[in-house]
Amino acid sequence: MSRGKKNVEDGRSGTGTEPESSGSASRRVHRAYSLSVVVMAYNEEDNVGPLLDALVAWLGSQRFEDWEVLVVDDGSTDATAARVASHVESEPRIRLLRHERNLGMGAAIRTGYAAARCDFVTQLPADHQVPPDTLDLFLPHLPHTDLVLSIYTDRGDDWTRRILSAGYRVVARLLLGQRADYTGTMVFRRKLLDSIPLTTDSFVVNLEFPLKALKRGASFRIVRFSPSPRRAGESKVVGSRRIAKVVRELLELRRLGF
């Protein structure tokens, strides 16, 4: 199991009922609903294979009505696509979607969301810092809740990443008046996407989607967990151009009234 799993918080912007905590609720979800898992990958040749192995094993251990894995290769220049293609050959429920060039995390997520066909949708990073069994925290709440969000309890980041993350949260709070510590790991009803247009290309999409969903009255829960250390490679978030893009997208959300 993933390390650092914590508590669950209840919240509603619309109507809803208190989720059940019993195992029977979880089993009903596994029998009655299908799940799309979007995996965002950019130059993750050493991580994407092990992540897919673990993900397929976890999905196979559940009782979903059906499932699919959508890997969005966001213009990788390494062997990421080849690693995914080898898994597609052995498991037809895995699909590879490719961007010709790197467009950003938000663009990759939007591509995956647009292709999702199941009742519920979630996303995982290809770096394997969120092991698939982390989703065990989310699934029991789905029969009662439109959107299950998450917050990290401890990322274990170096000081540079901590300062950047804190700066992002402060800027987002100042510009939008909203908390900005949601992680990209969430599970939600796919039908929410029908009424929520997403426009951001950076990781700001992980704030844009919940803000728009909650504004439309979606019921929600929040779970907390600690991610695992990166196994290989390095983060692609840091960079002056990426930071500038994040600020521009936050300003655009402010202009739109969020």
C-alpha atoms as a PDB file:
ATOM      1  CA  MET A   1       0.000   0.000   0.000  1.00  0.00           C
ATOM      2  CA  SER A   2       1.045   3.610  -0.520  1.00  0.00           C
ATOM      3  CA  ARG A   3       2.758   5.289   2.378  1.00  0.00           C
ATOM      4  CA  GLY A   4       1.300   8.178   4.308  1.00  0.00           C
ATOM      5  CA  LYS A   5      -2.399   7.621   3.628  1.00  0.00           C
ATOM      6  CA  LYS A   6      -4.454   9.927   5.822  1.00  0.00           C
ATOM      7  CA  ASN A   7      -7.953  11.127   6.529  1.00  0.00           C
ATOM      8  CA  VAL A   8     -10.967  12.126   4.481  1.00  0.00           C
ATOM      9  CA  GLU A   9     -12.708  15.500   4.567  1.00  0.00           C
ATOM     10  CA  ASP A  10     -16.309  16.120   3.606  1.00  0.00           C
ATOM     11  CA  GLY A  11     -17.440  19.098   1.598  1.00  0.00           C
ATOM     12  CA  ARG A  12     -20.332  20.031  -0.602  1.00  0.00           C
ATOM     13  CA  SER A  13     -20.887  22.944  -2.921  1.00  0.00           C
ATOM     14  CA  GLY A  14     -24.140  21.338  -4.031  1.00  0.00           C
ATOM     15  CA  THR A  15     -26.352  18.598  -2.682  1.00  0.00           C
ATOM     16  CA  GLY A  16     -25.163  15.177  -1.617  1.00  0.00           C
ATOM     17  CA  THR A  17     -25.293  12.462   0.994  1.00  0.00           C
ATOM     18  CA  GLU A  18     -22.727  11.361   3.520  1.00  0.00           C
ATOM     19  CA  PRO A  19     -20.538   8.638   1.959  1.00  0.00           C
ATOM     20  CA  GLU A  20     -20.611   5.212   3.551  1.00  0.00           C
ATOM     21  CA  SER A  21     -17.405   3.995   5.143  1.00  0.00           C
ATOM     22  CA  SER A  22     -18.193   0.292   4.965  1.00  0.00           C
ATOM     23  CA  GLY A  23     -16.529  -2.097   2.573  1.00  0.00           C
ATOM     24  CA  SER A  24     -19.910  -2.855   0.988  1.00  0.00           C
ATOM     25  CA  ALA A  25     -20.021   0.647  -0.482  1.00  0.00           C
ATOM     26  CA  SER A  26     -16.652   0.078  -2.130  1.00  0.00           C
ATOM     27  CA  ARG A  27     -17.752  -3.260  -3.548  1.00  0.00           C
ATOM     28  CA  ARG A  28     -20.870  -1.704  -5.077  1.00  0.00           C
ATOM     29  CA  VAL A  29     -18.706   0.871  -6.860  1.00  0.00           C
ATOM     30  CA  HIS A  30     -16.444  -1.835  -8.229  1.00  0.00           C
ATOM     31  CA  ARG A  31     -19.350  -3.787  -9.702  1.00  0.00           C
ATOM     32  CA  ALA A  32     -21.481  -0.928 -10.944  1.00  0.00           C
ATOM     33  CA  TYR A  33     -19.127   1.582 -12.564  1.00  0.00           C
ATOM     34  CA  SER A  34     -16.366   1.790 -15.123  1.00  0.00           C
ATOM     35  CA  LEU A  35     -13.147   3.791 -14.716  1.00  0.00           C
ATOM     36  CA  SER A  36     -10.943   5.689 -17.165  1.00  0.00           C
ATOM     37  CA  VAL A  37      -7.376   6.322 -15.987  1.00  0.00           C
ATOM     38  CA  VAL A  38      -5.505   9.104 -17.788  1.00  0.00           C
ATOM     39  CA  VAL A  39      -1.713   8.859 -17.499  1.00  0.00           C
ATOM     40  CA  MET A  40       0.307  11.942 -18.466  1.00  0.00           C
ATOM     41  CA  ALA A  41       3.797  11.138 -19.739  1.00  0.00           C
ATOM     42  CA  TYR A  42       6.642  13.355 -20.900  1.00  0.00           C
ATOM     43  CA  ASN A  43      10.093  11.765 -21.179  1.00  0.00           C
ATOM     44  CA  GLU A  44       9.312   9.072 -18.611  1.00  0.00           C
ATOM     45  CA  GLU A  45      10.849   6.049 -20.368  1.00  0.00           C
ATOM     46  CA  ASP A  46      12.178   4.600 -17.101  1.00  0.00           C
ATOM     47  CA  ASN A  47       8.968   5.092 -15.119  1.00  0.00           C
ATOM     48  CA  VAL A  48       6.008   4.546 -17.428  1.00  0.00           C
ATOM     49  CA  GLY A  49       6.507   0.786 -17.837  1.00  0.00           C
ATOM     50  CA  PRO A  50       6.562  -0.039 -14.112  1.00  0.00           C
ATOM     51  CA  LEU A  51       3.638   2.336 -13.567  1.00  0.00           C
ATOM     52  CA  LEU A  52       1.546   0.572 -16.210  1.00  0.00           C
ATOM     53  CA  ASP A  53       2.439  -2.841 -14.783  1.00  0.00           C
ATOM     54  CA  ALA A  54       1.279  -1.752 -11.328  1.00  0.00           C
ATOM     55  CA  LEU A  55      -1.803  -0.011 -12.705  1.00  0.00           C
ATOM     56  CA  VAL A  56      -3.023  -2.979 -14.756  1.00  0.00           C
ATOM     57  CA  ALA A  57      -2.472  -5.269 -11.758  1.00  0.00           C
ATOM     58  CA  TRP A  58      -4.452  -2.935  -9.494  1.00  0.00           C
ATOM     59  CA  LEU A  59      -7.292  -2.542 -11.999  1.00  0.00           C
ATOM     60  CA  GLY A  60      -7.419  -6.299 -12.417  1.00  0.00           C
ATOM     61  CA  SER A  61      -7.817  -6.737  -8.664  1.00  0.00           C
ATOM     62  CA  GLN A  62     -10.906  -4.514  -8.580  1.00  0.00           C
ATOM     63  CA  ARG A  63     -14.495  -5.237  -9.600  1.00  0.00           C
ATOM     64  CA  PHE A  64     -15.027  -2.470 -12.101  1.00  0.00           C
ATOM     65  CA  GLU A  65     -17.679  -3.013 -14.741  1.00  0.00           C
ATOM     66  CA  ASP A  66     -14.968  -2.038 -17.229  1.00  0.00           C
ATOM     67  CA  TRP A  67     -11.827   0.052 -17.326  1.00  0.00           C
ATOM     68  CA  GLU A  68      -9.413   1.724 -19.716  1.00  0.00           C
ATOM     69  CA  VAL A  69      -6.005   3.376 -19.473  1.00  0.00           C
ATOM     70  CA  LEU A  70      -5.283   6.388 -21.682  1.00  0.00           C
ATOM     71  CA  VAL A  71      -1.590   7.267 -21.833  1.00  0.00           C
ATOM     72  CA  VAL A  72      -0.998  10.729 -23.278  1.00  0.00           C
ATOM     73  CA  ASP A  73       2.574  11.064 -24.527  1.00  0.00           C
ATOM     74  CA  ASP A  74       3.094  14.820 -24.510  1.00  0.00           C
ATOM     75  CA  GLY A  75       5.769  15.055 -27.197  1.00  0.00           C
ATOM     76  CA  SER A  76       8.392  12.868 -25.514  1.00  0.00           C
ATOM     77  CA  THR A  77      11.804  12.728 -27.184  1.00  0.00           C
ATOM     78  CA  ASP A  78      12.890   9.508 -25.464  1.00  0.00           C
ATOM     79  CA  ALA A  79      11.486   5.971 -25.637  1.00  0.00           C
ATOM     80  CA  THR A  80       8.326   6.692 -23.633  1.00  0.00           C
ATOM     81  CA  ALA A  81       5.994   5.946 -26.555  1.00  0.00           C
ATOM     82  CA  ALA A  82       7.793   2.685 -27.339  1.00  0.00           C
ATOM     83  CA  ARG A  83       7.467   1.551 -23.724  1.00  0.00           C
ATOM     84  CA  VAL A  84       3.740   2.242 -23.809  1.00  0.00           C
ATOM     85  CA  ALA A  85       3.290   0.588 -27.206  1.00  0.00           C
ATOM     86  CA  SER A  86       4.684  -2.672 -25.849  1.00  0.00           C
ATOM     87  CA  HIS A  87       2.005  -2.646 -23.142  1.00  0.00           C
ATOM     88  CA  VAL A  88      -0.725  -1.849 -25.676  1.00  0.00           C
ATOM     89  CA  GLU A  89       0.152  -5.045 -27.544  1.00  0.00           C
ATOM     90  CA  SER A  90      -0.557  -7.184 -24.487  1.00  0.00           C
ATOM     91  CA  GLU A  91      -3.504  -5.217 -23.045  1.00  0.00           C
ATOM     92  CA  PRO A  92      -6.007  -3.734 -25.541  1.00  0.00           C
ATOM     93  CA  ARG A  93      -7.645  -1.609 -22.842  1.00  0.00           C
ATOM     94  CA  ILE A  94      -4.518   0.565 -22.840  1.00  0.00           C
ATOM     95  CA  ARG A  95      -4.525   3.299 -25.484  1.00  0.00           C
ATOM     96  CA  LEU A  96      -1.643   5.543 -26.508  1.00  0.00           C
ATOM     97  CA  LEU A  97      -2.451   9.140 -27.465  1.00  0.00           C
ATOM     98  CA  ARG A  98       0.431  11.250 -28.776  1.00  0.00           C
ATOM     99  CA  HIS A  99       1.195  14.938 -29.114  1.00  0.00           C
ATOM    100  CA  GLU A 100       3.705  15.730 -31.837  1.00  0.00           C
ATOM    101  CA  ARG A 101       5.347  18.295 -29.553  1.00  0.00           C
ATOM    102  CA  ASN A 102       5.295  19.102 -25.871  1.00  0.00           C
ATOM    103  CA  LEU A 103       2.152  21.127 -25.136  1.00  0.00           C
ATOM    104  CA  GLY A 104       2.101  21.006 -21.342  1.00  0.00           C
ATOM    105  CA  MET A 105       0.443  19.051 -18.563  1.00  0.00           C
ATOM    106  CA  GLY A 106      -2.911  20.759 -18.968  1.00  0.00           C
ATOM    107  CA  ALA A 107      -3.021  20.024 -22.690  1.00  0.00           C
ATOM    108  CA  ALA A 108      -2.155  16.369 -22.025  1.00  0.00           C
ATOM    109  CA  ILE A 109      -4.883  16.097 -19.405  1.00  0.00           C
ATOM    110  CA  ARG A 110      -7.445  17.696 -21.722  1.00  0.00           C
ATOM    111  CA  THR A 111      -6.532  15.230 -24.479  1.00  0.00           C
ATOM    112  CA  GLY A 112      -6.984  12.322 -22.098  1.00  0.00           C
ATOM    113  CA  TYR A 113     -10.241  13.630 -20.676  1.00  0.00           C
ATOM    114  CA  ALA A 114     -11.675  14.137 -24.166  1.00  0.00           C
ATOM    115  CA  ALA A 115     -10.948  10.499 -25.022  1.00  0.00           C
ATOM    116  CA  ALA A 116     -12.310   9.034 -21.774  1.00  0.00           C
ATOM    117  CA  ARG A 117     -15.366   6.810 -22.206  1.00  0.00           C
ATOM    118  CA  CYS A 118     -16.043   5.375 -18.739  1.00  0.00           C
ATOM    119  CA  ASP A 119     -18.371   6.503 -15.956  1.00  0.00           C
ATOM    120  CA  PHE A 120     -15.617   7.900 -13.755  1.00  0.00           C
ATOM    121  CA  VAL A 121     -12.279   9.450 -14.683  1.00  0.00           C
ATOM    122  CA  THR A 122      -9.025   9.792 -12.792  1.00  0.00           C
ATOM    123  CA  GLN A 123      -5.463  10.743 -13.663  1.00  0.00           C
ATOM    124  CA  LEU A 124      -2.048   9.569 -12.582  1.00  0.00           C
ATOM    125  CA  PRO A 125       1.423  10.899 -13.397  1.00  0.00           C
ATOM    126  CA  ALA A 126       3.721   8.542 -15.286  1.00  0.00           C
ATOM    127  CA  ASP A 127       6.526   9.197 -12.788  1.00  0.00           C
ATOM    128  CA  HIS A 128       4.931   6.639 -10.415  1.00  0.00           C
ATOM    129  CA  GLN A 129       4.937   9.071  -7.485  1.00  0.00           C
ATOM    130  CA  VAL A 130       1.258   8.279  -6.984  1.00  0.00           C
ATOM    131  CA  PRO A 131       1.041   4.463  -6.889  1.00  0.00           C
ATOM    132  CA  PRO A 132      -2.224   3.077  -8.304  1.00  0.00           C
ATOM    133  CA  ASP A 133      -3.361   1.678  -4.962  1.00  0.00           C
ATOM    134  CA  THR A 134      -3.579   5.259  -3.702  1.00  0.00           C
ATOM    135  CA  LEU A 135      -6.928   5.260  -5.499  1.00  0.00           C
ATOM    136  CA  ASP A 136      -8.246   2.941  -2.793  1.00  0.00           C
ATOM    137  CA  LEU A 137      -8.809   6.143  -0.795  1.00  0.00           C
ATOM    138  CA  PHE A 138     -11.065   7.647  -3.449  1.00  0.00           C
ATOM    139  CA  LEU A 139     -13.306   4.899  -4.751  1.00  0.00           C
ATOM    140  CA  PRO A 140     -15.611   4.298  -1.746  1.00  0.00           C
ATOM    141  CA  HIS A 141     -16.984   7.852  -2.055  1.00  0.00           C
ATOM    142  CA  LEU A 142     -17.966   7.772  -5.721  1.00  0.00           C
ATOM    143  CA  PRO A 143     -21.562   6.521  -5.414  1.00  0.00           C
ATOM    144  CA  HIS A 144     -22.353   9.564  -3.269  1.00  0.00           C
ATOM    145  CA  THR A 145     -19.997  12.237  -4.585  1.00  0.00           C
ATOM    146  CA  ASP A 146     -19.347  13.920  -7.930  1.00  0.00           C
ATOM    147  CA  LEU A 147     -15.716  14.795  -7.301  1.00  0.00           C
ATOM    148  CA  VAL A 148     -13.083  13.419  -4.923  1.00  0.00           C
ATOM    149  CA  LEU A 149     -10.101  15.773  -4.589  1.00  0.00           C
ATOM    150  CA  SER A 150      -6.815  15.260  -2.783  1.00  0.00           C
ATOM    151  CA  ILE A 151      -4.162  17.182  -0.888  1.00  0.00           C
ATOM    152  CA  TYR A 152      -0.608  16.053  -0.161  1.00  0.00           C
ATOM    153  CA  THR A 153       0.339  15.737   3.485  1.00  0.00           C
ATOM    154  CA  ASP A 154       4.074  15.751   2.729  1.00  0.00           C
ATOM    155  CA  ARG A 155       5.684  15.760  -0.713  1.00  0.00           C
ATOM    156  CA  GLY A 156       9.233  15.351   0.534  1.00  0.00           C
ATOM    157  CA  ASP A 157      10.392  18.039  -1.914  1.00  0.00           C
ATOM    158  CA  ASP A 158      13.730  19.819  -1.865  1.00  0.00           C
ATOM    159  CA  TRP A 159      13.815  23.465  -0.810  1.00  0.00           C
ATOM    160  CA  THR A 160      13.605  24.804  -4.363  1.00  0.00           C
ATOM    161  CA  ARG A 161      10.433  22.878  -5.108  1.00  0.00           C
ATOM    162  CA  ARG A 162       8.951  23.783  -1.718  1.00  0.00           C
ATOM    163  CA  ILE A 163       9.530  27.487  -2.315  1.00  0.00           C
ATOM    164  CA  LEU A 164       8.009  27.303  -5.807  1.00  0.00           C
ATOM    165  CA  SER A 165       4.987  25.376  -4.530  1.00  0.00           C
ATOM    166  CA  ALA A 166       4.443  27.827  -1.687  1.00  0.00           C
ATOM    167  CA  GLY A 167       4.786  30.740  -4.093  1.00  0.00           C
ATOM    168  CA  TYR A 168       2.196  29.226  -6.413  1.00  0.00           C
ATOM    169  CA  ARG A 169      -0.273  28.749  -3.576  1.00  0.00           C
ATOM    170  CA  VAL A 170       0.202  32.321  -2.379  1.00  0.00           C
ATOM    171  CA  VAL A 171      -0.196  33.828  -5.863  1.00  0.00           C
ATOM    172  CA  ALA A 172      -3.268  31.703  -6.583  1.00  0.00           C
ATOM    173  CA  ARG A 173      -4.820  32.680  -3.252  1.00  0.00           C
ATOM    174  CA  LEU A 174      -4.158  36.380  -3.905  1.00  0.00           C
ATOM    175  CA  LEU A 175      -5.480  36.308  -7.473  1.00  0.00           C
ATOM    176  CA  LEU A 176      -8.416  33.948  -7.052  1.00  0.00           C
ATOM    177  CA  GLY A 177      -9.186  33.959  -3.345  1.00  0.00           C
ATOM    178  CA  GLN A 178      -9.218  30.156  -3.453  1.00  0.00           C
ATOM    179  CA  ARG A 179      -7.091  27.399  -1.953  1.00  0.00           C
ATOM    180  CA  ALA A 180      -4.623  26.038  -4.502  1.00  0.00           C
ATOM    181  CA  ASP A 181      -3.216  22.986  -2.751  1.00  0.00           C
ATOM    182  CA  TYR A 182      -5.273  20.387  -4.607  1.00  0.00           C
ATOM    183  CA  THR A 183      -3.140  17.734  -6.270  1.00  0.00           C
ATOM    184  CA  GLY A 184      -3.737  16.443  -9.776  1.00  0.00           C
ATOM    185  CA  THR A 185      -4.958  13.132  -8.373  1.00  0.00           C
ATOM    186  CA  MET A 186      -8.747  13.247  -8.353  1.00  0.00           C
ATOM    187  CA  VAL A 187     -11.659  11.027  -9.353  1.00  0.00           C
ATOM    188  CA  PHE A 188     -14.847  12.432 -10.833  1.00  0.00           C
ATOM    189  CA  ARG A 189     -17.952  11.638 -12.836  1.00  0.00           C
ATOM    190  CA  ARG A 190     -17.136  11.897 -16.520  1.00  0.00           C
ATOM    191  CA  LYS A 191     -20.375  13.745 -17.224  1.00  0.00           C
ATOM    192  CA  LEU A 192     -18.930  16.770 -15.388  1.00  0.00           C
ATOM    193  CA  LEU A 193     -16.723  17.313 -18.431  1.00  0.00           C
ATOM    194  CA  ASP A 194     -19.801  17.922 -20.592  1.00  0.00           C
ATOM    195  CA  SER A 195     -20.429  21.264 -18.890  1.00  0.00           C
ATOM    196  CA  ILE A 196     -16.889  22.275 -17.921  1.00  0.00           C
ATOM    197  CA  PRO A 197     -14.667  23.652 -20.703  1.00  0.00           C
ATOM    198  CA  LEU A 198     -10.990  23.447 -19.760  1.00  0.00           C
ATOM    199  CA  THR A 199      -8.536  25.909 -21.311  1.00  0.00           C
ATOM    200  CA  THR A 200      -5.268  25.887 -19.354  1.00  0.00           C
ATOM    201  CA  ASP A 201      -2.171  24.113 -20.680  1.00  0.00           C
ATOM    202  CA  SER A 202      -0.084  23.989 -17.494  1.00  0.00           C
ATOM    203  CA  PHE A 203      -0.671  22.244 -14.164  1.00  0.00           C
ATOM    204  CA  VAL A 204      -3.108  25.075 -13.397  1.00  0.00           C
ATOM    205  CA  VAL A 205      -5.666  22.736 -14.984  1.00  0.00           C
ATOM    206  CA  ASN A 206      -5.632  20.870 -11.654  1.00  0.00           C
ATOM    207  CA  LEU A 207      -7.061  24.020 -10.061  1.00  0.00           C
ATOM    208  CA  GLU A 208      -9.205  25.117 -13.002  1.00  0.00           C
ATOM    209  CA  PHE A 209     -11.239  21.903 -13.108  1.00  0.00           C
ATOM    210  CA  PRO A 210     -12.246  21.710  -9.420  1.00  0.00           C
ATOM    211  CA  LEU A 211     -12.990  25.441  -9.256  1.00  0.00           C
ATOM    212  CA  LYS A 212     -15.329  25.198 -12.232  1.00  0.00           C
ATOM    213  CA  ALA A 213     -16.899  21.955 -10.996  1.00  0.00           C
ATOM    214  CA  LEU A 214     -17.568  23.349  -7.522  1.00  0.00           C
ATOM    215  CA  LYS A 215     -18.965  26.565  -8.976  1.00  0.00           C
ATOM    216  CA  ARG A 216     -21.486  24.421 -10.859  1.00  0.00           C
ATOM    217  CA  GLY A 217     -22.601  22.772  -7.642  1.00  0.00           C
ATOM    218  CA  ALA A 218     -20.676  19.493  -7.711  1.00  0.00           C
ATOM    219  CA  SER A 219     -20.568  17.651  -4.396  1.00  0.00           C
ATOM    220  CA  PHE A 220     -17.053  16.798  -3.275  1.00  0.00           C
ATOM    221  CA  ARG A 221     -14.804  15.091  -0.762  1.00  0.00           C
ATOM    222  CA  ILE A 222     -11.123  15.656   0.005  1.00  0.00           C
ATOM    223  CA  VAL A 223      -8.636  12.914   0.873  1.00  0.00           C
ATOM    224  CA  ARG A 224      -5.039  13.334   2.011  1.00  0.00           C
ATOM    225  CA  PHE A 225      -1.978  11.243   1.228  1.00  0.00           C
ATOM    226  CA  SER A 226       1.784  11.471   0.792  1.00  0.00           C
ATOM    227  CA  PRO A 227       3.277  10.728  -2.639  1.00  0.00           C
ATOM    228  CA  SER A 228       6.140   8.289  -3.120  1.00  0.00           C
ATOM    229  CA  PRO A 229       9.647   9.427  -4.104  1.00  0.00           C
ATOM    230  CA  ARG A 230      10.376   9.681  -7.823  1.00  0.00           C
ATOM    231  CA  ARG A 231      12.083   6.479  -8.962  1.00  0.00           C
ATOM    232  CA  ALA A 232      13.940   7.853 -11.976  1.00  0.00           C
ATOM    233  CA  GLY A 233      14.226  10.974 -14.108  1.00  0.00           C
ATOM    234  CA  GLU A 234      13.465  14.497 -12.973  1.00  0.00           C
ATOM    235  CA  SER A 235      10.524  16.851 -12.627  1.00  0.00           C
ATOM    236  CA  LYS A 236       9.611  18.946 -15.664  1.00  0.00           C
ATOM    237  CA  VAL A 237       7.673  21.609 -13.781  1.00  0.00           C
ATOM    238  CA  VAL A 238      10.498  24.044 -12.976  1.00  0.00           C
ATOM    239  CA  GLY A 239      11.541  26.608 -15.614  1.00  0.00           C
ATOM    240  CA  SER A 240      11.084  30.339 -16.150  1.00  0.00           C
ATOM    241  CA  ARG A 241       8.824  29.933 -19.181  1.00  0.00           C
ATOM    242  CA  ARG A 242       6.639  27.417 -17.371  1.00  0.00           C
ATOM    243  CA  ILE A 243       6.352  29.685 -14.334  1.00  0.00           C
ATOM    244  CA  ALA A 244       5.383  32.644 -16.541  1.00  0.00           C
ATOM    245  CA  LYS A 245       2.726  30.524 -18.228  1.00  0.00           C
ATOM    246  CA  VAL A 246       1.287  29.512 -14.863  1.00  0.00           C
ATOM    247  CA  VAL A 247       0.957  33.165 -13.824  1.00  0.00           C
ATOM    248  CA  ARG A 248      -0.713  34.068 -17.136  1.00  0.00           C
ATOM    249  CA  GLU A 249      -3.220  31.264 -16.746  1.00  0.00           C
ATOM    250  CA  LEU A 250      -4.030  32.245 -13.162  1.00  0.00           C
ATOM    251  CA  LEU A 251      -4.640  35.801 -14.355  1.00  0.00           C
ATOM    252  CA  GLU A 252      -6.966  34.490 -17.056  1.00  0.00           C
ATOM    253  CA  LEU A 253      -8.961  32.506 -14.491  1.00  0.00           C
ATOM    254  CA  ARG A 254      -9.253  35.687 -12.428  1.00  0.00           C
ATOM    255  CA  ARG A 255     -10.507  37.556 -15.495  1.00  0.00           C
ATOM    256  CA  LEU A 256     -13.164  34.879 -15.981  1.00  0.00           C
ATOM    257  CA  GLY A 257     -14.410  35.416 -12.444  1.00  0.00           C
ATOM    258  CA  PHE A 258     -12.851  32.536 -10.512  1.00  0.00           C
END
